Protein backbone atom coordinates (compact mmCIF):
# COMPACT_ATOMS: atom_id res chain seq x y z
CA UNK A 1 131.54 102.54 114.20
CA UNK A 2 128.76 99.66 114.88
CA UNK A 3 129.67 96.53 113.23
CA UNK A 4 127.43 93.65 112.51
CA UNK A 5 127.87 90.60 115.22
CA UNK A 6 128.25 87.93 112.93
CA UNK A 7 131.43 89.91 111.27
CA UNK A 8 132.78 90.41 114.59
CA UNK A 9 132.49 87.12 115.76
CA UNK A 10 134.05 85.77 112.31
CA UNK A 11 136.95 88.04 112.55
CA UNK A 12 137.61 86.98 116.29
CA UNK A 13 137.88 83.65 114.95
CA UNK A 14 140.22 84.68 112.23
CA UNK A 15 142.23 86.34 114.60
CA UNK A 16 142.82 83.43 116.91
CA UNK A 17 143.80 81.37 114.11
CA UNK A 18 146.30 83.97 112.46
CA UNK A 19 147.62 84.59 116.10
CA UNK A 20 148.34 81.02 116.57
CA UNK A 21 149.61 80.48 113.28
CA UNK A 22 152.22 83.47 113.67
CA UNK A 23 153.23 81.73 117.19
CA UNK A 24 154.16 78.45 115.18
CA UNK A 25 155.89 80.62 112.73
CA UNK A 26 157.99 82.34 115.58
CA UNK A 27 158.81 79.11 117.33
CA UNK A 28 159.71 77.90 114.06
CA UNK A 29 162.33 80.65 113.20
CA UNK A 30 163.61 80.34 116.76
CA UNK A 31 164.09 76.62 116.31
CA UNK A 32 166.13 76.95 112.93
CA UNK A 33 168.18 79.89 114.33
CA UNK A 34 169.31 77.85 117.15
CA UNK A 35 169.97 74.86 115.12
CA UNK A 36 171.93 77.00 112.77
CA UNK A 37 174.24 78.11 115.69
CA UNK A 38 172.87 81.45 116.09
CA UNK A 39 173.06 81.59 119.96
CA UNK A 40 174.66 85.01 120.52
CA UNK A 41 172.93 87.03 123.66
CA UNK A 42 171.83 89.33 121.09
CA UNK A 43 170.02 86.65 118.84
CA UNK A 44 168.55 85.04 122.13
CA UNK A 45 167.14 88.43 122.95
CA UNK A 46 165.45 88.75 119.38
CA UNK A 47 163.94 85.53 119.63
CA UNK A 48 162.52 85.94 123.00
CA UNK A 49 161.52 89.90 121.39
CA UNK A 50 159.84 87.68 118.15
CA UNK A 51 157.94 85.28 120.65
CA UNK A 52 156.52 87.94 122.94
CA UNK A 53 155.23 89.85 119.77
CA UNK A 54 153.58 87.12 118.24
CA UNK A 55 151.85 86.60 121.57
CA UNK A 56 150.88 90.18 121.90
CA UNK A 57 149.21 90.24 118.45
CA UNK A 58 147.05 87.28 119.06
CA UNK A 59 145.90 89.30 122.62
CA UNK A 60 145.43 92.36 120.73
CA UNK A 61 143.68 91.46 117.75
CA UNK A 62 141.17 89.17 119.54
CA UNK A 63 140.44 92.43 121.63
CA UNK A 64 139.92 94.73 118.83
CA UNK A 65 138.52 92.41 116.10
CA UNK A 66 136.66 94.97 114.13
CA UNK A 67 137.12 94.53 110.00
CA UNK A 68 138.85 97.75 109.75
CA UNK A 69 142.53 97.91 110.15
CA UNK A 70 142.47 100.28 113.39
CA UNK A 71 145.51 101.34 115.69
CA UNK A 72 146.60 97.99 116.65
CA UNK A 73 146.43 96.73 112.60
CA UNK A 74 149.04 99.52 111.80
CA UNK A 75 151.09 98.87 114.71
CA UNK A 76 151.54 95.30 113.91
CA UNK A 77 151.74 96.56 110.07
CA UNK A 78 154.82 98.83 110.99
CA UNK A 79 156.40 96.38 113.73
CA UNK A 80 156.28 93.27 110.57
CA UNK A 81 157.88 95.96 107.95
CA UNK A 82 160.64 96.90 110.80
CA UNK A 83 161.10 93.40 111.44
CA UNK A 84 161.34 91.72 108.07
CA UNK A 85 162.97 94.81 106.52
CA UNK A 86 166.06 94.22 109.30
CA UNK A 87 166.11 90.42 108.09
CA UNK A 88 166.41 91.40 104.58
CA UNK A 89 169.02 93.83 105.05
CA UNK A 90 171.14 91.75 106.96
CA UNK A 91 170.84 88.65 104.54
CA UNK A 92 171.17 91.03 101.60
CA UNK A 93 174.23 89.19 100.64
CA UNK A 94 172.73 85.96 100.43
CA UNK A 95 171.20 84.66 96.83
CA UNK A 96 168.29 83.42 99.09
CA UNK A 97 167.26 83.23 102.66
CA UNK A 98 164.42 81.42 104.36
CA UNK A 99 163.05 84.99 106.01
CA UNK A 100 162.40 86.16 102.37
CA UNK A 101 159.64 83.16 102.34
CA UNK A 102 158.39 84.79 105.29
CA UNK A 103 157.03 87.74 103.66
CA UNK A 104 154.20 85.60 101.59
CA UNK A 105 152.99 84.27 104.90
CA UNK A 106 152.42 87.96 106.06
CA UNK A 107 150.87 89.33 102.82
CA UNK A 108 148.47 86.29 102.59
CA UNK A 109 147.91 87.57 106.98
CA UNK A 110 147.38 91.06 105.82
CA UNK A 111 145.39 89.93 102.61
CA UNK A 112 142.95 87.57 104.51
CA UNK A 113 142.27 89.19 107.84
CA UNK A 114 142.26 93.14 106.26
CA UNK A 115 142.04 92.69 102.63
CA UNK A 116 143.82 93.96 99.34
CA UNK A 117 144.55 97.64 100.21
CA UNK A 118 146.34 96.84 103.61
CA UNK A 119 148.08 93.96 101.74
CA UNK A 120 149.32 95.96 98.69
CA UNK A 121 150.48 98.74 101.15
CA UNK A 122 152.37 96.02 103.00
CA UNK A 123 153.81 94.86 99.82
CA UNK A 124 154.92 98.20 98.67
CA UNK A 125 156.47 99.01 101.82
CA UNK A 126 158.76 95.93 101.69
CA UNK A 127 159.05 96.49 97.66
CA UNK A 128 161.00 99.63 98.69
CA UNK A 129 163.41 97.70 100.80
CA UNK A 130 163.87 94.95 98.34
CA UNK A 131 164.41 97.46 95.57
CA UNK A 132 166.79 99.23 97.33
CA UNK A 133 169.03 96.09 97.84
CA UNK A 134 168.99 95.12 94.38
CA UNK A 135 170.06 98.68 93.30
CA UNK A 136 172.83 98.70 95.65
CA UNK A 137 174.35 95.52 94.97
CA UNK A 138 174.73 93.40 91.86
CA UNK A 139 171.65 92.12 89.98
CA UNK A 140 172.85 88.21 90.05
CA UNK A 141 173.21 88.12 93.44
CA UNK A 142 169.52 89.20 94.22
CA UNK A 143 167.73 87.46 91.46
CA UNK A 144 165.44 85.78 94.03
CA UNK A 145 164.39 89.26 95.33
CA UNK A 146 162.84 90.52 92.27
CA UNK A 147 161.03 86.77 92.03
CA UNK A 148 159.90 87.34 95.45
CA UNK A 149 158.56 90.91 94.40
CA UNK A 150 156.36 89.52 91.68
CA UNK A 151 155.07 86.61 94.04
CA UNK A 152 154.12 89.34 96.40
CA UNK A 153 151.88 91.51 93.76
CA UNK A 154 150.42 88.13 92.18
CA UNK A 155 149.55 86.94 95.39
CA UNK A 156 147.59 90.05 96.17
CA UNK A 157 146.03 90.28 92.96
CA UNK A 158 144.76 86.64 92.47
CA UNK A 159 144.15 85.69 95.92
CA UNK A 160 142.74 88.90 96.56
CA UNK A 161 140.27 88.64 93.67
CA UNK A 162 139.25 85.44 94.88
CA UNK A 163 138.25 86.41 98.38
CA UNK A 164 136.57 89.29 97.05
CA UNK A 165 134.37 86.95 95.19
CA UNK A 166 133.79 85.02 98.35
CA UNK A 167 133.01 88.15 100.52
CA UNK A 168 130.76 89.47 97.99
CA UNK A 169 128.72 86.19 97.69
CA UNK A 170 128.73 85.51 101.30
CA UNK A 171 127.10 88.87 101.80
CA UNK A 172 124.43 88.58 98.96
CA UNK A 173 123.51 85.01 100.59
CA UNK A 174 123.51 86.64 104.00
CA UNK A 175 121.14 89.24 102.22
CA UNK A 176 118.78 86.56 101.29
CA UNK A 177 119.06 84.67 104.22
CA UNK A 178 117.58 87.90 106.24
CA UNK A 179 115.41 90.05 103.21
CA UNK A 180 112.81 89.53 100.83
CA UNK A 181 114.49 89.69 97.47
CA UNK A 182 111.53 91.46 95.64
CA UNK A 183 110.73 94.56 98.23
CA UNK A 184 114.14 94.45 99.93
CA UNK A 185 112.46 94.77 103.38
CA UNK A 186 113.38 91.80 105.98
CA UNK A 187 111.80 88.49 105.67
CA UNK A 188 109.42 87.23 108.51
CA UNK A 189 111.70 84.88 109.74
CA UNK A 190 114.45 87.52 110.59
CA UNK A 191 111.53 89.53 111.93
CA UNK A 192 110.32 87.03 114.16
CA UNK A 193 113.93 86.90 115.58
CA UNK A 194 113.97 90.53 116.45
CA UNK A 195 110.65 90.55 117.68
CA UNK A 196 111.27 88.20 120.45
CA UNK A 197 114.41 90.31 121.26
CA UNK A 198 112.35 93.60 121.39
CA UNK A 199 109.57 92.04 123.57
CA UNK A 200 112.22 90.93 125.82
CA UNK A 201 113.90 94.03 126.03
CA UNK A 202 110.39 95.96 126.26
CA UNK A 203 109.07 93.65 129.27
CA UNK A 204 112.79 94.32 131.35
CA UNK A 205 112.66 97.93 130.62
CA UNK A 206 108.59 98.58 131.35
CA UNK A 207 108.23 100.13 127.78
CA UNK A 208 105.70 99.71 125.27
CA UNK A 209 105.85 97.76 122.03
CA UNK A 210 103.37 98.19 119.10
CA UNK A 211 103.02 95.92 116.07
CA UNK A 212 100.96 97.01 112.66
CA UNK A 213 99.84 94.78 109.99
CA UNK A 214 99.60 96.44 106.61
CA UNK A 215 97.48 94.56 103.90
CA UNK A 216 97.09 96.14 100.31
CA UNK A 217 93.31 96.52 99.66
CA UNK A 218 91.94 94.23 96.76
CA UNK A 219 95.35 92.97 95.67
CA UNK A 220 94.24 90.00 94.19
CA UNK A 221 91.64 91.82 92.03
CA UNK A 222 94.68 94.18 90.48
CA UNK A 223 96.59 91.18 89.86
CA UNK A 224 93.74 89.69 87.98
CA UNK A 225 93.32 92.56 86.02
CA UNK A 226 96.79 93.59 85.24
CA UNK A 227 99.17 90.90 85.69
CA UNK A 228 101.68 89.48 88.26
CA UNK A 229 104.42 91.76 86.86
CA UNK A 230 102.41 95.02 87.72
CA UNK A 231 101.49 93.48 90.89
CA UNK A 232 105.28 92.95 92.01
CA UNK A 233 105.64 96.49 91.04
CA UNK A 234 102.86 97.84 93.48
CA UNK A 235 104.65 95.55 96.29
CA UNK A 236 108.01 97.25 95.98
CA UNK A 237 106.57 100.75 95.48
CA UNK A 238 104.36 100.18 98.51
CA UNK A 239 107.44 98.63 100.71
CA UNK A 240 109.61 101.85 99.06
CA UNK A 241 106.88 104.15 100.51
CA UNK A 242 106.90 102.37 103.90
CA UNK A 243 110.68 102.42 104.48
CA UNK A 244 110.48 106.06 103.55
CA UNK A 245 108.24 106.55 106.70
CA UNK A 246 110.33 104.35 108.99
CA UNK A 247 111.33 106.00 112.20
CA UNK A 248 114.50 105.27 113.86
CA UNK A 249 114.45 101.74 115.61
CA UNK A 250 111.41 100.26 113.53
CA UNK A 251 111.50 97.36 111.87
CA UNK A 252 109.74 96.26 108.89
CA UNK A 253 109.27 92.97 107.01
CA UNK A 254 106.95 91.46 104.47
CA UNK A 255 104.47 88.78 106.18
CA UNK A 256 102.90 87.49 103.61
CA UNK A 257 101.64 87.74 99.76
CA UNK A 258 100.57 91.39 100.14
CA UNK A 259 101.04 92.03 103.87
CA UNK A 260 103.83 93.75 105.41
CA UNK A 261 104.29 94.16 109.58
CA UNK A 262 105.84 97.13 110.93
CA UNK A 263 107.28 96.62 114.56
CA UNK A 264 107.43 100.09 116.77
CA UNK A 265 109.55 99.65 119.63
CA UNK A 266 109.10 102.05 122.73
CA UNK A 267 105.46 103.09 120.94
CA UNK A 268 102.65 103.12 122.80
CA UNK A 269 99.29 102.82 120.74
CA UNK A 270 98.63 106.46 119.98
CA UNK A 271 102.04 106.96 118.68
CA UNK A 272 101.73 103.89 116.72
CA UNK A 273 98.41 105.07 115.27
CA UNK A 274 99.81 108.54 114.37
CA UNK A 275 102.74 106.87 112.58
CA UNK A 276 101.09 104.58 110.74
CA UNK A 277 98.06 106.70 109.61
CA UNK A 278 101.05 108.89 108.12
CA UNK A 279 102.13 106.12 106.26
CA UNK A 280 98.81 104.91 105.03
CA UNK A 281 97.62 108.67 103.75
CA UNK A 282 101.20 108.50 101.83
CA UNK A 283 100.40 105.27 100.13
CA UNK A 284 96.63 106.47 99.07
CA UNK A 285 98.07 109.41 97.65
CA UNK A 286 100.85 107.48 95.46
CA UNK A 287 100.36 107.48 91.58
CA UNK A 288 100.18 103.70 91.23
CA UNK A 289 100.36 102.09 87.82
CA UNK A 290 96.80 101.69 86.43
CA UNK A 291 94.80 102.53 89.37
CA UNK A 292 94.66 104.12 93.01
CA UNK A 293 96.21 101.50 95.88
CA UNK A 294 95.01 101.55 99.58
CA UNK A 295 96.03 99.48 102.66
CA UNK A 296 93.90 98.38 105.55
CA UNK A 297 95.97 98.23 108.91
CA UNK A 298 95.59 96.68 112.24
CA UNK A 299 97.66 97.81 115.54
CA UNK A 300 98.05 96.09 118.71
CA UNK A 301 100.23 96.91 121.86
CA UNK A 302 102.42 95.34 124.13
CA UNK A 303 101.71 94.74 127.24
CA UNK A 304 98.65 96.64 127.24
CA UNK A 305 96.71 94.08 125.36
CA UNK A 306 98.75 91.26 124.67
CA UNK A 307 101.76 89.01 126.72
CA UNK A 308 103.65 87.46 124.00
CA UNK A 309 104.08 87.52 120.43
CA UNK A 310 101.43 85.04 119.28
CA UNK A 311 98.60 87.26 120.95
CA UNK A 312 100.49 90.35 119.80
CA UNK A 313 99.73 89.14 115.88
CA UNK A 314 96.35 87.41 116.65
CA UNK A 315 95.41 90.91 117.97
CA UNK A 316 96.59 93.09 115.34
CA UNK A 317 95.00 90.76 112.84
CA UNK A 318 91.77 91.30 114.47
CA UNK A 319 92.09 94.97 114.04
CA UNK A 320 92.87 94.62 110.63
CA UNK A 321 90.09 92.39 109.97
CA UNK A 322 87.89 95.35 111.29
CA UNK A 323 89.45 97.70 109.19
CA UNK A 324 88.60 95.59 106.10
CA UNK A 325 84.83 95.12 107.32
CA UNK A 326 84.88 99.14 108.18
CA UNK A 327 85.45 99.90 104.08
CA UNK A 328 89.17 99.17 103.63
CA UNK A 329 91.78 102.22 103.62
CA UNK A 330 91.74 102.82 107.16
CA UNK A 331 93.44 101.59 110.53
CA UNK A 332 91.83 100.16 113.65
CA UNK A 333 93.41 99.55 117.12
CA UNK A 334 92.18 99.63 120.72
CA UNK A 335 90.53 103.23 121.06
CA UNK A 336 89.66 102.71 124.66
């Protein structure tokens, strides 16, 4: 499964923070246990295993930083459950053990890293251990376990909802930073970044690349006659028709007020003309409000006609003006 690089980088940084924190917690546990005098060979082996496991968590998760929990995540969840379940059973006769507080830390880790579902799963597994202890021993000796149980689910509910709101806001802001809000296609800033990358790839692999500029014919007259709200509807519908005709790998963006730009990697001028002409005809045949809408299009190709992105736009714009001069509702390109 393909994930956005920004998401992977964020998760990698998050895993480094969590991994370092887990190692710190492991060292804290070892220090406390040694201070309490638990220095038997079995205990010392357990301390070493805990430290190694915490280090392993950091190494594995930073290499497999997918947003979903994955195999490594399930492995860590199982080990954490077995470790903490063992701690709870061994200390079940105590009214309180500092190990119980580690549950809250682990729930927060799974909540922040993998979301509410995974955190709830971990909480349910631990709850089964806690309920078993409470049912098998006098209630008054295990009151703190019930308090812990309620705290775990309270954290998942409240913190989980806050994280969901933050995630939705982050995704919305990311969408707005790269898309045109009215039409839903990419904005020109994002398009320009991708164009530079595609030009470099095209030059490296010696593949052609074509760019087409679409301009809605007489759009200003349409706005003046029927209002800007009607014009916005036309822009959204034209964008929708363009998106319907996109091929895999094509990139569409809003270029100006009534202009759209289409990037077609690994496409020569004849292939680009065929694709663009199909789009032009679909727009001309669409039933728009009030009257027919048409587009004029100019196509330029790299590296046959141009050497860089600036020349590519200038050349496509020249052919667009030729299309306007030829009566509009047509496509112009280098036919030589």
